Amino acid sequence: MFLHVIDAEYVRDYVIRIRFNDGTEGEVDLEDELEGEVFGPLKTLENFRAFSVDRVLGTIVWKNGADLAPEFLYGKVQRASPASRAGSTG
């Protein structure tokens, strides 16, 4: 199965709650990922909060062209909450 982000919502600071097409969901803190030319501008919370779910790419994207692979986000969800499995809300 290919992983796709199907829903995402802003939680606080640089944390986004993400739900995947396999039912897995959880929160990811992306503060440490905001480096470099593409991601650096997202350190401004106003820019960071302006993400959306791109249904074609199957991940979250920002207006400046930044995006993160769904597999990367899935790994962060799993590391942040190993109990986060299909159907879990925690």
N, C-alpha and C. Protein backbone atom coordinates (compact mmCIF):
# COMPACT_ATOMS: atom_id res chain seq x y z
N MET A 1 0.85 -1.19 0.00
CA MET A 1 0.00 0.00 0.00
C MET A 1 0.88 1.24 0.00
N PHE A 2 0.54 2.18 -0.85
CA PHE A 2 1.23 3.45 -0.85
C PHE A 2 0.63 4.33 0.23
N LEU A 3 1.47 5.00 1.00
CA LEU A 3 1.00 5.89 2.05
C LEU A 3 0.61 7.23 1.48
N HIS A 4 -0.52 7.74 1.97
CA HIS A 4 -0.98 9.07 1.60
C HIS A 4 -1.53 9.76 2.83
N VAL A 5 -1.24 11.03 2.96
CA VAL A 5 -1.87 11.85 3.99
C VAL A 5 -3.26 12.19 3.48
N ILE A 6 -4.28 11.90 4.28
CA ILE A 6 -5.64 12.21 3.85
C ILE A 6 -6.26 13.35 4.65
N ASP A 7 -5.65 13.69 5.79
CA ASP A 7 -6.16 14.80 6.59
C ASP A 7 -5.03 15.32 7.46
N ALA A 8 -5.03 16.61 7.70
CA ALA A 8 -4.03 17.22 8.57
C ALA A 8 -4.62 18.48 9.18
N GLU A 9 -4.30 18.70 10.45
CA GLU A 9 -4.78 19.91 11.11
C GLU A 9 -3.69 20.45 12.02
N TYR A 10 -3.65 21.77 12.08
CA TYR A 10 -2.69 22.45 12.94
C TYR A 10 -3.08 22.22 14.39
N VAL A 11 -2.09 21.92 15.24
CA VAL A 11 -2.34 21.69 16.66
C VAL A 11 -1.81 22.85 17.49
N ARG A 12 -0.50 23.11 17.42
CA ARG A 12 0.14 24.19 18.17
C ARG A 12 1.58 24.31 17.68
N ASP A 13 2.19 25.44 17.93
CA ASP A 13 3.60 25.66 17.58
C ASP A 13 3.88 25.07 16.18
N TYR A 14 4.74 24.05 16.12
CA TYR A 14 5.09 23.42 14.83
C TYR A 14 4.58 21.98 14.79
N VAL A 15 3.47 21.75 15.46
CA VAL A 15 2.89 20.41 15.55
C VAL A 15 1.64 20.33 14.67
N ILE A 16 1.59 19.26 13.87
CA ILE A 16 0.46 18.99 13.00
C ILE A 16 -0.06 17.59 13.30
N ARG A 17 -1.35 17.44 13.39
CA ARG A 17 -1.97 16.11 13.54
C ARG A 17 -2.28 15.60 12.14
N ILE A 18 -1.79 14.40 11.83
CA ILE A 18 -1.90 13.86 10.48
C ILE A 18 -2.63 12.52 10.52
N ARG A 19 -3.47 12.28 9.51
CA ARG A 19 -4.14 10.99 9.35
C ARG A 19 -3.77 10.43 7.98
N PHE A 20 -3.42 9.15 7.97
CA PHE A 20 -2.99 8.48 6.75
C PHE A 20 -4.09 7.57 6.21
N ASN A 21 -3.93 7.16 4.97
CA ASN A 21 -4.94 6.32 4.31
C ASN A 21 -5.04 4.92 4.90
N ASP A 22 -4.10 4.51 5.74
CA ASP A 22 -4.23 3.20 6.39
C ASP A 22 -4.89 3.30 7.76
N GLY A 23 -5.35 4.52 8.13
CA GLY A 23 -6.01 4.73 9.40
C GLY A 23 -5.10 5.21 10.51
N THR A 24 -3.80 5.14 10.30
CA THR A 24 -2.85 5.62 11.30
C THR A 24 -2.95 7.13 11.40
N GLU A 25 -2.90 7.62 12.62
CA GLU A 25 -2.90 9.06 12.83
C GLU A 25 -2.08 9.40 14.06
N GLY A 26 -1.63 10.62 14.10
CA GLY A 26 -0.85 11.09 15.24
C GLY A 26 -0.29 12.47 14.97
N GLU A 27 0.40 12.97 15.96
CA GLU A 27 0.98 14.30 15.87
C GLU A 27 2.45 14.23 15.52
N VAL A 28 2.89 15.19 14.69
CA VAL A 28 4.29 15.32 14.35
C VAL A 28 4.75 16.73 14.67
N ASP A 29 5.89 16.83 15.32
CA ASP A 29 6.51 18.13 15.60
C ASP A 29 7.58 18.34 14.54
N LEU A 30 7.39 19.33 13.71
CA LEU A 30 8.29 19.57 12.58
C LEU A 30 9.28 20.69 12.81
N GLU A 31 9.36 21.20 14.02
CA GLU A 31 10.24 22.34 14.29
C GLU A 31 11.69 22.06 13.88
N ASP A 32 12.20 20.89 14.15
CA ASP A 32 13.58 20.56 13.83
C ASP A 32 13.83 20.36 12.34
N GLU A 33 12.78 20.32 11.54
CA GLU A 33 12.93 20.09 10.09
C GLU A 33 12.97 21.40 9.30
N LEU A 34 12.77 22.52 9.98
CA LEU A 34 12.61 23.80 9.30
C LEU A 34 13.94 24.50 9.09
N GLU A 35 14.77 23.94 8.25
CA GLU A 35 16.08 24.48 7.92
C GLU A 35 16.22 24.60 6.41
N GLY A 36 17.09 25.48 5.99
CA GLY A 36 17.40 25.59 4.57
C GLY A 36 16.51 26.56 3.83
N GLU A 37 16.78 26.64 2.54
CA GLU A 37 16.12 27.61 1.68
C GLU A 37 14.61 27.39 1.55
N VAL A 38 14.20 26.14 1.47
CA VAL A 38 12.78 25.84 1.28
C VAL A 38 12.01 25.83 2.59
N PHE A 39 12.59 25.19 3.61
CA PHE A 39 11.86 25.04 4.88
C PHE A 39 12.10 26.18 5.87
N GLY A 40 13.18 26.90 5.73
CA GLY A 40 13.49 28.01 6.64
C GLY A 40 12.37 29.03 6.78
N PRO A 41 11.74 29.44 5.67
CA PRO A 41 10.65 30.42 5.77
C PRO A 41 9.46 29.93 6.61
N LEU A 42 9.37 28.63 6.82
CA LEU A 42 8.26 28.09 7.60
C LEU A 42 8.46 28.24 9.10
N LYS A 43 9.62 28.76 9.51
CA LYS A 43 9.84 29.04 10.93
C LYS A 43 8.91 30.14 11.43
N THR A 44 8.42 30.95 10.52
CA THR A 44 7.40 31.93 10.87
C THR A 44 6.08 31.18 10.98
N LEU A 45 5.48 31.22 12.17
CA LEU A 45 4.26 30.43 12.40
C LEU A 45 3.16 30.74 11.39
N GLU A 46 3.05 31.98 10.97
CA GLU A 46 2.03 32.32 9.98
C GLU A 46 2.24 31.52 8.69
N ASN A 47 3.49 31.40 8.26
CA ASN A 47 3.80 30.60 7.07
C ASN A 47 3.60 29.11 7.35
N PHE A 48 4.05 28.66 8.50
CA PHE A 48 3.93 27.24 8.84
C PHE A 48 2.48 26.79 8.85
N ARG A 49 1.63 27.59 9.45
CA ARG A 49 0.21 27.22 9.59
C ARG A 49 -0.54 27.20 8.27
N ALA A 50 0.06 27.74 7.21
CA ALA A 50 -0.63 27.86 5.92
C ALA A 50 -0.42 26.62 5.04
N PHE A 51 -0.37 25.44 5.65
CA PHE A 51 -0.21 24.21 4.88
C PHE A 51 -1.57 23.71 4.41
N SER A 52 -1.54 22.79 3.47
CA SER A 52 -2.75 22.12 3.03
C SER A 52 -2.38 20.69 2.64
N VAL A 53 -3.40 19.87 2.47
CA VAL A 53 -3.18 18.50 2.01
C VAL A 53 -3.34 18.49 0.50
N ASP A 54 -2.29 18.09 -0.18
CA ASP A 54 -2.34 17.96 -1.64
C ASP A 54 -2.78 16.54 -1.96
N ARG A 55 -3.96 16.40 -2.51
CA ARG A 55 -4.53 15.07 -2.79
C ARG A 55 -3.77 14.32 -3.88
N VAL A 56 -3.14 15.05 -4.80
CA VAL A 56 -2.37 14.41 -5.86
C VAL A 56 -1.05 13.87 -5.31
N LEU A 57 -0.34 14.69 -4.53
CA LEU A 57 0.93 14.26 -3.95
C LEU A 57 0.73 13.35 -2.74
N GLY A 58 -0.42 13.46 -2.10
CA GLY A 58 -0.71 12.62 -0.94
C GLY A 58 0.07 13.02 0.29
N THR A 59 0.32 14.32 0.43
CA THR A 59 1.06 14.81 1.59
C THR A 59 0.69 16.26 1.87
N ILE A 60 1.33 16.82 2.90
CA ILE A 60 1.10 18.22 3.21
C ILE A 60 2.07 19.08 2.41
N VAL A 61 1.58 20.23 1.99
CA VAL A 61 2.38 21.15 1.18
C VAL A 61 2.16 22.57 1.69
N TRP A 62 3.11 23.43 1.35
CA TRP A 62 3.02 24.84 1.68
C TRP A 62 3.07 25.65 0.40
N LYS A 63 2.62 26.90 0.48
CA LYS A 63 2.54 27.77 -0.69
C LYS A 63 3.89 28.03 -1.35
N ASN A 64 4.98 27.96 -0.57
CA ASN A 64 6.30 28.23 -1.14
C ASN A 64 6.89 27.02 -1.86
N GLY A 65 6.13 25.93 -1.98
CA GLY A 65 6.59 24.75 -2.68
C GLY A 65 7.17 23.66 -1.78
N ALA A 66 7.25 23.92 -0.50
CA ALA A 66 7.78 22.92 0.44
C ALA A 66 6.78 21.80 0.61
N ASP A 67 7.28 20.58 0.73
CA ASP A 67 6.45 19.43 1.06
C ASP A 67 7.34 18.38 1.71
N LEU A 68 6.72 17.46 2.41
CA LEU A 68 7.44 16.36 3.07
C LEU A 68 6.84 15.05 2.61
N ALA A 69 7.70 14.10 2.32
CA ALA A 69 7.24 12.79 1.86
C ALA A 69 6.33 12.16 2.91
N PRO A 70 5.23 11.55 2.47
CA PRO A 70 4.33 10.93 3.44
C PRO A 70 5.03 9.84 4.26
N GLU A 71 5.99 9.15 3.68
CA GLU A 71 6.72 8.11 4.41
C GLU A 71 7.53 8.71 5.56
N PHE A 72 8.09 9.89 5.31
CA PHE A 72 8.83 10.60 6.35
C PHE A 72 7.90 10.97 7.50
N LEU A 73 6.75 11.54 7.16
CA LEU A 73 5.77 11.93 8.18
C LEU A 73 5.26 10.71 8.94
N TYR A 74 5.02 9.63 8.24
CA TYR A 74 4.54 8.40 8.86
C TYR A 74 5.57 7.90 9.88
N GLY A 75 6.84 7.93 9.51
CA GLY A 75 7.89 7.52 10.43
C GLY A 75 7.92 8.39 11.67
N LYS A 76 7.73 9.68 11.50
CA LYS A 76 7.71 10.58 12.66
C LYS A 76 6.52 10.29 13.56
N VAL A 77 5.38 9.98 12.97
CA VAL A 77 4.20 9.62 13.77
C VAL A 77 4.50 8.35 14.57
N GLN A 78 5.08 7.37 13.91
CA GLN A 78 5.38 6.11 14.56
C GLN A 78 6.39 6.28 15.70
N ARG A 79 7.41 7.10 15.48
CA ARG A 79 8.42 7.33 16.53
C ARG A 79 7.86 8.14 17.69
N ALA A 80 6.96 9.08 17.38
CA ALA A 80 6.39 9.92 18.44
C ALA A 80 5.41 9.16 19.30
N SER A 81 4.71 8.20 18.69
CA SER A 81 3.70 7.46 19.41
C SER A 81 3.64 6.04 18.86
N PRO A 82 4.53 5.15 19.32
CA PRO A 82 4.58 3.80 18.78
C PRO A 82 3.24 3.07 18.83
N ALA A 83 2.34 3.49 19.70
CA ALA A 83 1.02 2.84 19.80
C ALA A 83 0.07 3.33 18.71
N SER A 84 0.48 4.36 17.95
CA SER A 84 -0.39 4.89 16.90
C SER A 84 -0.46 3.90 15.76
N ARG A 85 -1.54 3.22 15.67
CA ARG A 85 -1.78 2.24 14.61
C ARG A 85 -3.13 2.52 14.00
N ALA A 86 -3.45 1.76 13.01
CA ALA A 86 -4.75 1.93 12.33
C ALA A 86 -5.87 1.95 13.35
N GLY A 87 -6.70 2.99 13.23
CA GLY A 87 -7.86 3.09 14.11
C GLY A 87 -7.56 3.75 15.43
N SER A 88 -6.30 4.03 15.72
CA SER A 88 -5.93 4.65 17.00
C SER A 88 -6.18 6.14 16.95
N THR A 89 -6.51 6.72 18.07
CA THR A 89 -6.68 8.16 18.15
C THR A 89 -5.62 8.79 19.03
N GLY A 90 -4.63 8.07 19.42
CA GLY A 90 -3.61 8.59 20.33
C GLY A 90 -2.31 8.49 19.78
